Amino acid sequence: MKVIVSLGSNKNQIENIEIAEKELKTFFSAIRFSTTQYTGDGYYNAVGVGETALSYDELRLHAKSLEKRLGRTDDRETIPIDVDILEQNGHCHKPEDMAREYNIILLKELE
């Protein structure tokens, strides 16, 4: 199944996004990531497009576990890593995030 993921961070941004990309590669048969870009307010973002046999629920569970391992808590101010599954197999799970200008620009890198 084709999947689009987004990565965001406002703490140790580049390092945490690189760690997340490396770990996410273990759940995909193939995945490519955009460059990591500063998107404002201390945040850096990247997107990935790949193929996985995992269901949405399985992939989301791995994403949330990764967030927790990198220090994500309920604190809404400090985000070491945010991993969102934007789309899977043509179904958009996060339409507002898909429409964000930076995600649109980053996805164009992968076309």
C-alpha atoms as a PDB file:
ATOM      1  CA  MET A   1       0.000   0.000   0.000  1.00  0.00           C
ATOM      2  CA  LYS A   2       1.219   3.483  -0.822  1.00  0.00           C
ATOM      3  CA  VAL A   3       1.647   5.684   2.257  1.00  0.00           C
ATOM      4  CA  ILE A   4       2.448   9.359   2.769  1.00  0.00           C
ATOM      5  CA  VAL A   5       3.887  10.278   6.167  1.00  0.00           C
ATOM      6  CA  SER A   6       4.821  13.644   7.594  1.00  0.00           C
ATOM      7  CA  LEU A   7       7.525  14.313  10.156  1.00  0.00           C
ATOM      8  CA  GLY A   8       7.793  17.418  12.284  1.00  0.00           C
ATOM      9  CA  SER A   9       9.953  18.556  15.183  1.00  0.00           C
ATOM     10  CA  ASN A  10      10.732  21.644  17.241  1.00  0.00           C
ATOM     11  CA  LYS A  11      13.391  20.061  19.504  1.00  0.00           C
ATOM     12  CA  ASN A  12      16.684  18.664  18.188  1.00  0.00           C
ATOM     13  CA  GLN A  13      14.877  18.980  14.900  1.00  0.00           C
ATOM     14  CA  ILE A  14      17.335  17.677  12.314  1.00  0.00           C
ATOM     15  CA  GLU A  15      18.617  14.860  14.523  1.00  0.00           C
ATOM     16  CA  ASN A  16      15.141  13.668  15.523  1.00  0.00           C
ATOM     17  CA  ILE A  17      13.830  13.739  11.957  1.00  0.00           C
ATOM     18  CA  GLU A  18      16.875  11.755  10.770  1.00  0.00           C
ATOM     19  CA  ILE A  19      16.327   9.164  13.522  1.00  0.00           C
ATOM     20  CA  ALA A  20      12.641   8.904  12.631  1.00  0.00           C
ATOM     21  CA  GLU A  21      13.417   8.467   8.922  1.00  0.00           C
ATOM     22  CA  LYS A  22      15.908   5.703   9.680  1.00  0.00           C
ATOM     23  CA  GLU A  23      13.459   3.854  11.905  1.00  0.00           C
ATOM     24  CA  LEU A  24      10.512   4.289   9.542  1.00  0.00           C
ATOM     25  CA  LYS A  25      12.536   2.635   6.775  1.00  0.00           C
ATOM     26  CA  THR A  26      12.235  -0.652   8.699  1.00  0.00           C
ATOM     27  CA  PHE A  27       8.448  -0.632   8.216  1.00  0.00           C
ATOM     28  CA  PHE A  28       8.452   0.033   4.479  1.00  0.00           C
ATOM     29  CA  SER A  29       9.555  -2.098   1.545  1.00  0.00           C
ATOM     30  CA  ALA A  30      10.577   1.194  -0.069  1.00  0.00           C
ATOM     31  CA  ILE A  31      10.353   4.811   1.097  1.00  0.00           C
ATOM     32  CA  ARG A  32      11.776   8.130  -0.058  1.00  0.00           C
ATOM     33  CA  PHE A  33      11.954  11.280   2.042  1.00  0.00           C
ATOM     34  CA  SER A  34      11.932  14.916   1.044  1.00  0.00           C
ATOM     35  CA  THR A  35      14.531  17.318   2.287  1.00  0.00           C
ATOM     36  CA  THR A  36      14.009  18.609   5.814  1.00  0.00           C
ATOM     37  CA  GLN A  37      12.888  22.231   5.737  1.00  0.00           C
ATOM     38  CA  TYR A  38      12.396  24.946   8.335  1.00  0.00           C
ATOM     39  CA  THR A  39       8.670  25.744   8.266  1.00  0.00           C
ATOM     40  CA  GLY A  40       8.413  28.432  10.947  1.00  0.00           C
ATOM     41  CA  ASP A  41       7.971  28.824  14.696  1.00  0.00           C
ATOM     42  CA  GLY A  42      10.971  26.602  15.397  1.00  0.00           C
ATOM     43  CA  TYR A  43       9.605  23.657  13.409  1.00  0.00           C
ATOM     44  CA  TYR A  44      11.311  21.581  10.785  1.00  0.00           C
ATOM     45  CA  ASN A  45       9.319  19.222   8.587  1.00  0.00           C
ATOM     46  CA  ALA A  46       9.806  16.469   6.028  1.00  0.00           C
ATOM     47  CA  VAL A  47       7.522  14.037   4.224  1.00  0.00           C
ATOM     48  CA  GLY A  48       7.988  10.488   3.044  1.00  0.00           C
ATOM     49  CA  VAL A  49       6.274   8.427   0.371  1.00  0.00           C
ATOM     50  CA  GLY A  50       6.590   4.665   0.475  1.00  0.00           C
ATOM     51  CA  GLU A  51       5.129   1.203   0.231  1.00  0.00           C
ATOM     52  CA  THR A  52       4.219  -0.998   3.186  1.00  0.00           C
ATOM     53  CA  ALA A  53       2.202  -4.121   3.845  1.00  0.00           C
ATOM     54  CA  LEU A  54       1.201  -2.797   7.290  1.00  0.00           C
ATOM     55  CA  SER A  55      -2.337  -1.660   7.965  1.00  0.00           C
ATOM     56  CA  TYR A  56      -3.067   1.907   9.023  1.00  0.00           C
ATOM     57  CA  ASP A  57      -3.515   0.791  12.647  1.00  0.00           C
ATOM     58  CA  GLU A  58      -0.246  -1.185  12.666  1.00  0.00           C
ATOM     59  CA  LEU A  59       1.711   1.664  11.118  1.00  0.00           C
ATOM     60  CA  ARG A  60       0.140   4.226  13.463  1.00  0.00           C
ATOM     61  CA  LEU A  61       1.085   2.070  16.454  1.00  0.00           C
ATOM     62  CA  HIS A  62       4.726   1.993  15.292  1.00  0.00           C
ATOM     63  CA  ALA A  63       4.657   5.767  14.664  1.00  0.00           C
ATOM     64  CA  LYS A  64       3.318   6.545  18.132  1.00  0.00           C
ATOM     65  CA  SER A  65       5.860   4.178  19.720  1.00  0.00           C
ATOM     66  CA  LEU A  66       8.646   5.983  17.836  1.00  0.00           C
ATOM     67  CA  GLU A  67       7.348   9.350  19.054  1.00  0.00           C
ATOM     68  CA  LYS A  68       7.375   8.126  22.642  1.00  0.00           C
ATOM     69  CA  ARG A  69      10.918   6.713  22.364  1.00  0.00           C
ATOM     70  CA  LEU A  70      12.142  10.086  21.092  1.00  0.00           C
ATOM     71  CA  GLY A  71      10.616  11.857  24.096  1.00  0.00           C
ATOM     72  CA  ARG A  72       7.152  12.878  22.928  1.00  0.00           C
ATOM     73  CA  THR A  73       4.779  13.596  25.816  1.00  0.00           C
ATOM     74  CA  ASP A  74       1.433  15.344  26.200  1.00  0.00           C
ATOM     75  CA  ASP A  75       3.316  18.662  26.239  1.00  0.00           C
ATOM     76  CA  ARG A  76       1.911  20.584  23.245  1.00  0.00           C
ATOM     77  CA  GLU A  77       4.783  23.095  23.229  1.00  0.00           C
ATOM     78  CA  THR A  78       7.814  20.815  22.873  1.00  0.00           C
ATOM     79  CA  ILE A  79       7.548  18.292  20.057  1.00  0.00           C
ATOM     80  CA  PRO A  80      10.699  16.141  19.725  1.00  0.00           C
ATOM     81  CA  ILE A  81       9.017  14.297  16.829  1.00  0.00           C
ATOM     82  CA  ASP A  82       5.558  14.120  15.324  1.00  0.00           C
ATOM     83  CA  VAL A  83       4.900  11.313  12.865  1.00  0.00           C
ATOM     84  CA  ASP A  84       1.576  11.441  11.038  1.00  0.00           C
ATOM     85  CA  ILE A  85       0.167   9.105   8.424  1.00  0.00           C
ATOM     86  CA  LEU A  86      -1.356  11.579   6.014  1.00  0.00           C
ATOM     87  CA  GLU A  87      -2.581   9.133   3.399  1.00  0.00           C
ATOM     88  CA  GLN A  88      -2.660   5.391   2.900  1.00  0.00           C
ATOM     89  CA  ASN A  89      -3.762   3.618  -0.245  1.00  0.00           C
ATOM     90  CA  GLY A  90      -5.572   6.723  -1.498  1.00  0.00           C
ATOM     91  CA  HIS A  91      -7.439   7.387   1.761  1.00  0.00           C
ATOM     92  CA  CYS A  92      -6.560  10.746   3.315  1.00  0.00           C
ATOM     93  CA  HIS A  93      -6.413  10.444   7.103  1.00  0.00           C
ATOM     94  CA  LYS A  94      -5.354  14.045   7.776  1.00  0.00           C
ATOM     95  CA  PRO A  95      -6.848  16.375   5.136  1.00  0.00           C
ATOM     96  CA  GLU A  96      -5.881  19.557   7.003  1.00  0.00           C
ATOM     97  CA  ASP A  97      -2.259  18.443   7.213  1.00  0.00           C
ATOM     98  CA  MET A  98      -2.217  17.341   3.553  1.00  0.00           C
ATOM     99  CA  ALA A  99      -3.348  20.850   2.602  1.00  0.00           C
ATOM    100  CA  ARG A 100      -0.559  22.605   4.532  1.00  0.00           C
ATOM    101  CA  GLU A 101       1.592  24.570   2.121  1.00  0.00           C
ATOM    102  CA  TYR A 102       4.856  23.096   3.369  1.00  0.00           C
ATOM    103  CA  ASN A 103       3.580  19.527   2.903  1.00  0.00           C
ATOM    104  CA  ILE A 104       2.466  20.338  -0.632  1.00  0.00           C
ATOM    105  CA  ILE A 105       5.893  21.807  -1.433  1.00  0.00           C
ATOM    106  CA  LEU A 106       7.778  18.905   0.183  1.00  0.00           C
ATOM    107  CA  LEU A 107       5.641  16.325  -1.641  1.00  0.00           C
ATOM    108  CA  LYS A 108       6.456  17.975  -4.969  1.00  0.00           C
ATOM    109  CA  GLU A 109      10.112  17.105  -4.333  1.00  0.00           C
ATOM    110  CA  LEU A 110       9.158  13.432  -4.473  1.00  0.00           C
ATOM    111  CA  GLU A 111       7.146  13.513  -7.714  1.00  0.00           C
END
